[in-house]
């Protein structure tokens, strides 16, 4: 399936990244997983709820974070505790390679979006390269390629392209958060 932006989405119970690649279409991207990150009020009750809903336990569970890598549907679903307001934080696309990430970034730029890049970011107990955009309605989208694990949640903070240094900063899991907030909305101030 191809969207009107030219991004190929593969949908199927047993779709693999290679199922998306077509040698006749060198721009084809093997999308790994759709990504959803939700801030929750109570991690333990949310882990119980989502584990029951998905029929499996998280593949990563920490005191402030849990992640499921679901095969049916192919989703990277993550939750983080400590939010003042439970809500969907952002949506995203996780890809297999840096080349795929660059291709998506080029397409987003061609669509008129400013892509805020993070290289070698540490976030959500993982290391990777990322690109952040806001869709026309202001919804944050993360495109990313994960290449390693981290023992820490992460606190990468990068200034937004369109703000002054003393205004809003960008974190690894939200495109616009207060400067005193780190990765995925957890406070850096104790």
C-alpha atoms as a PDB file:
ATOM      1  CA  UNK A   1       0.000   0.000   0.000  1.00  0.00           C
ATOM      2  CA  UNK A   2       1.354   3.447  -0.872  1.00  0.00           C
ATOM      3  CA  UNK A   3       0.149   6.679   0.721  1.00  0.00           C
ATOM      4  CA  UNK A   4      -0.272   9.942  -1.150  1.00  0.00           C
ATOM      5  CA  UNK A   5       3.140  11.015   0.208  1.00  0.00           C
ATOM      6  CA  UNK A   6       4.748   8.011  -1.462  1.00  0.00           C
ATOM      7  CA  UNK A   7       5.450   6.167   1.785  1.00  0.00           C
ATOM      8  CA  UNK A   8       4.896   2.465   1.384  1.00  0.00           C
ATOM      9  CA  UNK A   9       3.109   0.787   4.262  1.00  0.00           C
ATOM     10  CA  UNK A  10       3.046  -2.996   4.482  1.00  0.00           C
ATOM     11  CA  UNK A  11       0.121  -4.507   6.282  1.00  0.00           C
ATOM     12  CA  UNK A  12      -0.236  -8.194   6.986  1.00  0.00           C
ATOM     13  CA  UNK A  13      -0.074 -10.769   9.684  1.00  0.00           C
ATOM     14  CA  UNK A  14       3.265 -12.114   8.581  1.00  0.00           C
ATOM     15  CA  UNK A  15       4.756  -9.133   6.751  1.00  0.00           C
ATOM     16  CA  UNK A  16       8.489  -8.871   7.166  1.00  0.00           C
ATOM     17  CA  UNK A  17      10.616  -5.816   6.396  1.00  0.00           C
ATOM     18  CA  UNK A  18      11.763  -7.492   3.185  1.00  0.00           C
ATOM     19  CA  UNK A  19       8.146  -7.959   2.032  1.00  0.00           C
ATOM     20  CA  UNK A  20       8.008  -4.186   1.582  1.00  0.00           C
ATOM     21  CA  UNK A  21      11.087  -3.912  -0.607  1.00  0.00           C
ATOM     22  CA  UNK A  22      10.622  -4.073  -4.350  1.00  0.00           C
ATOM     23  CA  UNK A  23      13.766  -4.112  -6.521  1.00  0.00           C
ATOM     24  CA  UNK A  24      11.846  -2.149  -9.174  1.00  0.00           C
ATOM     25  CA  UNK A  25      11.230   0.562  -6.548  1.00  0.00           C
ATOM     26  CA  UNK A  26      14.620   1.502  -5.030  1.00  0.00           C
ATOM     27  CA  UNK A  27      12.886   4.057  -2.788  1.00  0.00           C
ATOM     28  CA  UNK A  28      10.966   1.252  -1.029  1.00  0.00           C
ATOM     29  CA  UNK A  29      11.331   1.280   2.736  1.00  0.00           C
ATOM     30  CA  UNK A  30      10.938  -1.802   4.886  1.00  0.00           C
ATOM     31  CA  UNK A  31       8.934  -0.251   7.722  1.00  0.00           C
ATOM     32  CA  UNK A  32       9.670  -2.215  10.858  1.00  0.00           C
ATOM     33  CA  UNK A  33       6.878  -1.184  13.192  1.00  0.00           C
ATOM     34  CA  UNK A  34       4.305   1.449  13.903  1.00  0.00           C
ATOM     35  CA  UNK A  35       5.127   3.163  17.213  1.00  0.00           C
ATOM     36  CA  UNK A  36       2.795   4.571  19.865  1.00  0.00           C
ATOM     37  CA  UNK A  37       4.047   6.149  23.112  1.00  0.00           C
ATOM     38  CA  UNK A  38       1.535   6.869  25.881  1.00  0.00           C
ATOM     39  CA  UNK A  39       2.003   8.696  29.193  1.00  0.00           C
ATOM     40  CA  UNK A  40       0.142   6.898  31.994  1.00  0.00           C
ATOM     41  CA  UNK A  41      -0.762   7.809  35.561  1.00  0.00           C
ATOM     42  CA  UNK A  42      -0.076   4.384  37.106  1.00  0.00           C
ATOM     43  CA  UNK A  43       2.493   2.130  35.434  1.00  0.00           C
ATOM     44  CA  UNK A  44       1.575  -1.079  37.301  1.00  0.00           C
ATOM     45  CA  UNK A  45      -2.138  -0.933  36.504  1.00  0.00           C
ATOM     46  CA  UNK A  46      -1.375   0.060  32.904  1.00  0.00           C
ATOM     47  CA  UNK A  47       1.065  -2.855  32.487  1.00  0.00           C
ATOM     48  CA  UNK A  48      -1.620  -5.236  33.762  1.00  0.00           C
ATOM     49  CA  UNK A  49      -4.229  -3.727  31.434  1.00  0.00           C
ATOM     50  CA  UNK A  50      -2.080  -3.702  28.278  1.00  0.00           C
ATOM     51  CA  UNK A  51      -0.586  -7.139  29.004  1.00  0.00           C
ATOM     52  CA  UNK A  52      -4.110  -8.544  29.208  1.00  0.00           C
ATOM     53  CA  UNK A  53      -5.203  -6.633  26.103  1.00  0.00           C
ATOM     54  CA  UNK A  54      -2.193  -7.750  24.034  1.00  0.00           C
ATOM     55  CA  UNK A  55      -2.028 -11.274  25.517  1.00  0.00           C
ATOM     56  CA  UNK A  56       1.671 -10.916  26.358  1.00  0.00           C
ATOM     57  CA  UNK A  57       4.025  -9.285  28.824  1.00  0.00           C
ATOM     58  CA  UNK A  58       6.268  -6.302  27.986  1.00  0.00           C
ATOM     59  CA  UNK A  59       9.704  -7.042  26.504  1.00  0.00           C
ATOM     60  CA  UNK A  60      11.154  -4.147  28.510  1.00  0.00           C
ATOM     61  CA  UNK A  61       9.917  -3.168  31.948  1.00  0.00           C
ATOM     62  CA  UNK A  62      11.524  -0.609  34.243  1.00  0.00           C
ATOM     63  CA  UNK A  63      10.229   1.360  37.225  1.00  0.00           C
ATOM     64  CA  UNK A  64       9.033   4.163  34.934  1.00  0.00           C
ATOM     65  CA  UNK A  65       8.652   2.526  31.517  1.00  0.00           C
ATOM     66  CA  UNK A  66       7.332  -0.542  29.701  1.00  0.00           C
ATOM     67  CA  UNK A  67       7.468  -1.592  26.046  1.00  0.00           C
ATOM     68  CA  UNK A  68       5.737  -4.295  24.011  1.00  0.00           C
ATOM     69  CA  UNK A  69       7.104  -5.335  20.589  1.00  0.00           C
ATOM     70  CA  UNK A  70       3.943  -6.854  19.181  1.00  0.00           C
ATOM     71  CA  UNK A  71       3.876  -9.051  16.089  1.00  0.00           C
ATOM     72  CA  UNK A  72       0.115  -8.962  15.535  1.00  0.00           C
ATOM     73  CA  UNK A  73      -0.324  -6.093  14.907  1.00  0.00           C
ATOM     74  CA  UNK A  74       3.331  -5.083  14.304  1.00  0.00           C
ATOM     75  CA  UNK A  75       3.548  -2.271  16.843  1.00  0.00           C
ATOM     76  CA  UNK A  76       6.184  -0.884  19.195  1.00  0.00           C
ATOM     77  CA  UNK A  77       3.864   0.190  22.043  1.00  0.00           C
ATOM     78  CA  UNK A  78       5.482   2.038  24.961  1.00  0.00           C
ATOM     79  CA  UNK A  79       4.193   3.614  28.157  1.00  0.00           C
ATOM     80  CA  UNK A  80       5.876   5.964  30.615  1.00  0.00           C
ATOM     81  CA  UNK A  81       4.713   6.807  34.116  1.00  0.00           C
ATOM     82  CA  UNK A  82       4.879  10.092  35.974  1.00  0.00           C
ATOM     83  CA  UNK A  83       2.853  12.199  33.575  1.00  0.00           C
ATOM     84  CA  UNK A  84       0.778  14.990  35.029  1.00  0.00           C
ATOM     85  CA  UNK A  85      -1.841  14.192  32.395  1.00  0.00           C
ATOM     86  CA  UNK A  86      -2.204  10.702  30.881  1.00  0.00           C
ATOM     87  CA  UNK A  87      -2.268  11.029  27.101  1.00  0.00           C
ATOM     88  CA  UNK A  88      -0.774   9.860  23.836  1.00  0.00           C
ATOM     89  CA  UNK A  89       2.656  11.451  23.696  1.00  0.00           C
ATOM     90  CA  UNK A  90       3.581  10.779  20.076  1.00  0.00           C
ATOM     91  CA  UNK A  91       3.280   8.417  17.130  1.00  0.00           C
ATOM     92  CA  UNK A  92       6.121   7.089  15.046  1.00  0.00           C
ATOM     93  CA  UNK A  93       7.698   4.767  12.553  1.00  0.00           C
ATOM     94  CA  UNK A  94      10.601   2.519  13.546  1.00  0.00           C
ATOM     95  CA  UNK A  95      12.758   1.479  10.589  1.00  0.00           C
ATOM     96  CA  UNK A  96      15.447  -1.138  10.008  1.00  0.00           C
ATOM     97  CA  UNK A  97      18.364   1.048   8.917  1.00  0.00           C
ATOM     98  CA  UNK A  98      19.895   4.488   8.804  1.00  0.00           C
ATOM     99  CA  UNK A  99      19.298   4.489   5.038  1.00  0.00           C
ATOM    100  CA  UNK A 100      15.553   3.950   5.598  1.00  0.00           C
ATOM    101  CA  UNK A 101      15.562   6.770   8.162  1.00  0.00           C
ATOM    102  CA  UNK A 102      17.250   9.108   5.673  1.00  0.00           C
ATOM    103  CA  UNK A 103      14.696   8.189   2.992  1.00  0.00           C
ATOM    104  CA  UNK A 104      11.782   8.999   5.304  1.00  0.00           C
ATOM    105  CA  UNK A 105      13.497  12.252   6.302  1.00  0.00           C
ATOM    106  CA  UNK A 106      13.835  13.239   2.634  1.00  0.00           C
ATOM    107  CA  UNK A 107      10.165  12.517   2.038  1.00  0.00           C
ATOM    108  CA  UNK A 108       9.115  14.566   5.051  1.00  0.00           C
ATOM    109  CA  UNK A 109      11.241  17.480   3.848  1.00  0.00           C
ATOM    110  CA  UNK A 110       9.704  17.151   0.368  1.00  0.00           C
ATOM    111  CA  UNK A 111       6.281  17.376   2.045  1.00  0.00           C
ATOM    112  CA  UNK A 112       7.322  20.735   3.484  1.00  0.00           C
ATOM    113  CA  UNK A 113       8.055  19.590   7.041  1.00  0.00           C
ATOM    114  CA  UNK A 114      11.017  20.678   9.158  1.00  0.00           C
ATOM    115  CA  UNK A 115      12.744  17.533  10.393  1.00  0.00           C
ATOM    116  CA  UNK A 116      14.520  17.958  13.726  1.00  0.00           C
ATOM    117  CA  UNK A 117      17.245  15.323  13.761  1.00  0.00           C
ATOM    118  CA  UNK A 118      18.862  13.621  16.739  1.00  0.00           C
ATOM    119  CA  UNK A 119      21.987  11.551  16.166  1.00  0.00           C
ATOM    120  CA  UNK A 120      23.013   8.872  18.665  1.00  0.00           C
ATOM    121  CA  UNK A 121      20.160   9.763  21.020  1.00  0.00           C
ATOM    122  CA  UNK A 122      19.548   7.892  24.263  1.00  0.00           C
ATOM    123  CA  UNK A 123      15.867   7.582  25.072  1.00  0.00           C
ATOM    124  CA  UNK A 124      13.540   4.966  26.536  1.00  0.00           C
ATOM    125  CA  UNK A 125      16.416   2.654  27.438  1.00  0.00           C
ATOM    126  CA  UNK A 126      17.604   2.558  23.811  1.00  0.00           C
ATOM    127  CA  UNK A 127      20.154   4.257  21.539  1.00  0.00           C
ATOM    128  CA  UNK A 128      19.353   5.389  18.034  1.00  0.00           C
ATOM    129  CA  UNK A 129      19.071   8.093  15.437  1.00  0.00           C
ATOM    130  CA  UNK A 130      15.807  10.015  15.125  1.00  0.00           C
ATOM    131  CA  UNK A 131      13.917  12.561  13.141  1.00  0.00           C
ATOM    132  CA  UNK A 132      11.003  14.535  14.620  1.00  0.00           C
ATOM    133  CA  UNK A 133       8.211  16.345  12.785  1.00  0.00           C
ATOM    134  CA  UNK A 134       4.814  17.756  13.592  1.00  0.00           C
ATOM    135  CA  UNK A 135       2.008  16.909  11.193  1.00  0.00           C
ATOM    136  CA  UNK A 136      -0.273  19.708   9.903  1.00  0.00           C
ATOM    137  CA  UNK A 137      -2.439  19.346  13.046  1.00  0.00           C
ATOM    138  CA  UNK A 138       0.534  19.539  15.424  1.00  0.00           C
ATOM    139  CA  UNK A 139       0.757  15.819  16.276  1.00  0.00           C
ATOM    140  CA  UNK A 140       4.357  14.820  17.025  1.00  0.00           C
ATOM    141  CA  UNK A 141       5.808  12.030  14.870  1.00  0.00           C
ATOM    142  CA  UNK A 142       9.089  10.287  15.608  1.00  0.00           C
ATOM    143  CA  UNK A 143      10.956   8.409  12.889  1.00  0.00           C
ATOM    144  CA  UNK A 144      13.789   6.333  14.270  1.00  0.00           C
ATOM    145  CA  UNK A 145      16.371   3.606  13.819  1.00  0.00           C
ATOM    146  CA  UNK A 146      17.366   1.854  17.049  1.00  0.00           C
ATOM    147  CA  UNK A 147      20.845   0.346  17.128  1.00  0.00           C
ATOM    148  CA  UNK A 148      21.484  -0.418  20.786  1.00  0.00           C
ATOM    149  CA  UNK A 149      20.242  -0.652  24.348  1.00  0.00           C
ATOM    150  CA  UNK A 150      20.894   1.706  27.239  1.00  0.00           C
ATOM    151  CA  UNK A 151      20.901   1.134  30.985  1.00  0.00           C
ATOM    152  CA  UNK A 152      19.420   4.609  31.526  1.00  0.00           C
ATOM    153  CA  UNK A 153      16.087   6.050  30.435  1.00  0.00           C
ATOM    154  CA  UNK A 154      17.860   8.934  28.705  1.00  0.00           C
ATOM    155  CA  UNK A 155      17.687  12.688  28.793  1.00  0.00           C
ATOM    156  CA  UNK A 156      18.593  13.914  25.342  1.00  0.00           C
ATOM    157  CA  UNK A 157      17.274  17.425  24.944  1.00  0.00           C
ATOM    158  CA  UNK A 158      17.674  19.344  21.720  1.00  0.00           C
ATOM    159  CA  UNK A 159      16.561  22.946  21.045  1.00  0.00           C
ATOM    160  CA  UNK A 160      13.664  23.293  18.649  1.00  0.00           C
ATOM    161  CA  UNK A 161      14.449  24.822  15.308  1.00  0.00           C
ATOM    162  CA  UNK A 162      11.720  27.479  15.610  1.00  0.00           C
ATOM    163  CA  UNK A 163      12.235  28.735  19.175  1.00  0.00           C
ATOM    164  CA  UNK A 164      14.616  31.037  20.998  1.00  0.00           C
ATOM    165  CA  UNK A 165      17.115  29.398  23.394  1.00  0.00           C
ATOM    166  CA  UNK A 166      15.202  30.558  26.504  1.00  0.00           C
ATOM    167  CA  UNK A 167      11.871  29.177  25.288  1.00  0.00           C
ATOM    168  CA  UNK A 168      10.726  25.594  24.716  1.00  0.00           C
ATOM    169  CA  UNK A 169      13.139  22.698  24.216  1.00  0.00           C
ATOM    170  CA  UNK A 170      12.692  19.404  22.426  1.00  0.00           C
ATOM    171  CA  UNK A 171      13.194  16.085  24.211  1.00  0.00           C
ATOM    172  CA  UNK A 172      13.775  12.626  22.842  1.00  0.00           C
ATOM    173  CA  UNK A 173      10.140  11.579  23.239  1.00  0.00           C
ATOM    174  CA  UNK A 174       8.200  14.781  22.646  1.00  0.00           C
ATOM    175  CA  UNK A 175       8.838  17.521  20.146  1.00  0.00           C
ATOM    176  CA  UNK A 176       7.902  20.368  22.478  1.00  0.00           C
ATOM    177  CA  UNK A 177       8.239  20.143  26.251  1.00  0.00           C
ATOM    178  CA  UNK A 178       9.306  22.591  28.972  1.00  0.00           C
ATOM    179  CA  UNK A 179      13.082  22.974  29.188  1.00  0.00           C
ATOM    180  CA  UNK A 180      13.147  21.392  32.679  1.00  0.00           C
ATOM    181  CA  UNK A 181      11.654  18.185  31.328  1.00  0.00           C
ATOM    182  CA  UNK A 182      13.751  15.402  29.897  1.00  0.00           C
ATOM    183  CA  UNK A 183      13.073  12.359  27.802  1.00  0.00           C
ATOM    184  CA  UNK A 184       9.418  11.343  27.542  1.00  0.00           C
ATOM    185  CA  UNK A 185       8.143  13.880  30.029  1.00  0.00           C
ATOM    186  CA  UNK A 186       9.946  12.778  33.200  1.00  0.00           C
ATOM    187  CA  UNK A 187      11.253  15.717  35.189  1.00  0.00           C
ATOM    188  CA  UNK A 188      14.971  16.446  35.367  1.00  0.00           C
ATOM    189  CA  UNK A 189      14.376  18.469  38.524  1.00  0.00           C
ATOM    190  CA  UNK A 190      14.188  16.444  41.720  1.00  0.00           C
END
